[in-house]
């Protein structure tokens, strides 16, 4: 065997050991170049996500050769070209659902089968990533799996006894980490350059498996995900205080931020990002990176990330150390330590327990704002906390990191400033961004209810659950739908953001079902 073959086999072996794909698939922007830009900038489709989810009818090489030859350059010509060469997706969810209005619990149970998809093989030229087992999608324009959505969907599946689907989705996430080194924002090639809030550790805790081989696979995957979030630590120096997703704080401790490996417009929101960057008084690549990092946060977009809450072009996500992200990474480190102990790896147990202790201390030093009785985000460039009170303040309670005094203070702040008639506010500001007031979101309701319950605040937790379930049920009775978000001030469908309100809806179904399970007397149909 010659040296070249030996070297090639060695590279393959190393890549396998690192559990990272050698050649991740290209995004639509990379594949279709000028065709992609024209379709998006000329807004051939009202939703920028439509084209990037389209499936080519023949090879991309043939399509691009014909595009170069025909040179369609008007919206109508482009629309005809796309229709001839791609299968364009429509709505992934029916508009008219259960007009007879069954009970809320029964409706959610029926929705699981409507939102479930079989294992998926990759199609050349398509942005969809393959998945080895079945999965649940959120609904509407969201035709694929989303990372943090899935945890809240799993809560409802667990309540409905669908442990098989929970385990299938865990297997899919383990597969994604094996292939790409992390769980992407969603299962599309254009999401591969970023992740989302790291809930995988908490998902594992929902599984009922006692199989040590499966638990070992989960542990390997969790450690790989932790490496992904901490990779930037390797390029921090005396001159560089932040690299990729890692920030070195003034006292030498390390915390994390949201980031994206690319600094171009998002494929799925290309025209919007280009327009935002033009309004910004800085290099456009900086704005693109901040927008992408905002998408990694899951809060796309929010006053949390804006210098001026009313101007999206002032976004500066990567300057901020967020409390939710660092709380989840603390939980991840604790879960790795637990699994290592379960598998009798004492060195690993102690290592990750030490990392969790260090992170908790740094969170308390930088993200606890005692005089304002809240946890918050920290602007590490300006060396001070941001002034935005948001529902993220409850994350340290949700993961069990807060002490009793902090939990009491956060509960008081929540009651005073974040409770609306229809549930928990996202922030106090009304900006037109969807992760601000008056919107309330299912995952944040669960974070609050779960966190408050853990610290003995059952009355406050039940109050939020009561308000939220009333909002969801009233809208369901009027429309027959469960929605992505709600206006918790007026108890009606939510608004704002880059796209129309979506129904389906995975995490609303999951949280609503889980809350009914936790508080059976709040079931809207139990009283009839």
Foldseek 3Di string as FASTA:
>chain_A
DDPVVVVVVVVVVVLLVLLEAPDQDAFLCVLQPPLLVQCQQLCLDVFLQFLRQWAFPDASVVLNVVCVVVVDRHSVSSNVSCVVTTHTDDFLDDQDDPPVDDFLLVSLVVLQVSQKDAFDDDDPPGFAAGFGGIAGFFGTSGNWDAPPLRLLLVLLCVLVVVLVRLVSVLNRQLNCCSHHLHAFRTRTSLRSQFHAQPCSLVSVVSHPDPDLVVLVSSLVSLVSHLCVQCVQVVVADPVRQDGAFWGQAPVRFIAGFFWGNFQAARSRNRNVLVVLLVPAPDPSSQSSGLQSSCSRHVQNDALLQAPDRQRSSRGRRRQKRWLQSLLSVLLSLCSSLVSCVVVPNNVSNVVSVVSSVSSLVVQCVAQQDVVQLFGGMARRVVGHGDPWDFLSRLSCLLSVSDDLVSLVSHLVCQVVQQAAQQAGAGTNDDHLRQSGPQKDALVSLCSNLNSCVSNVNNVSNVSRLLSNLVLQVVACVVRVWGWGIDRSNVSYRGGGDDDGTTTSGSSSSSSNSSSCVVPVVSRPPVVD
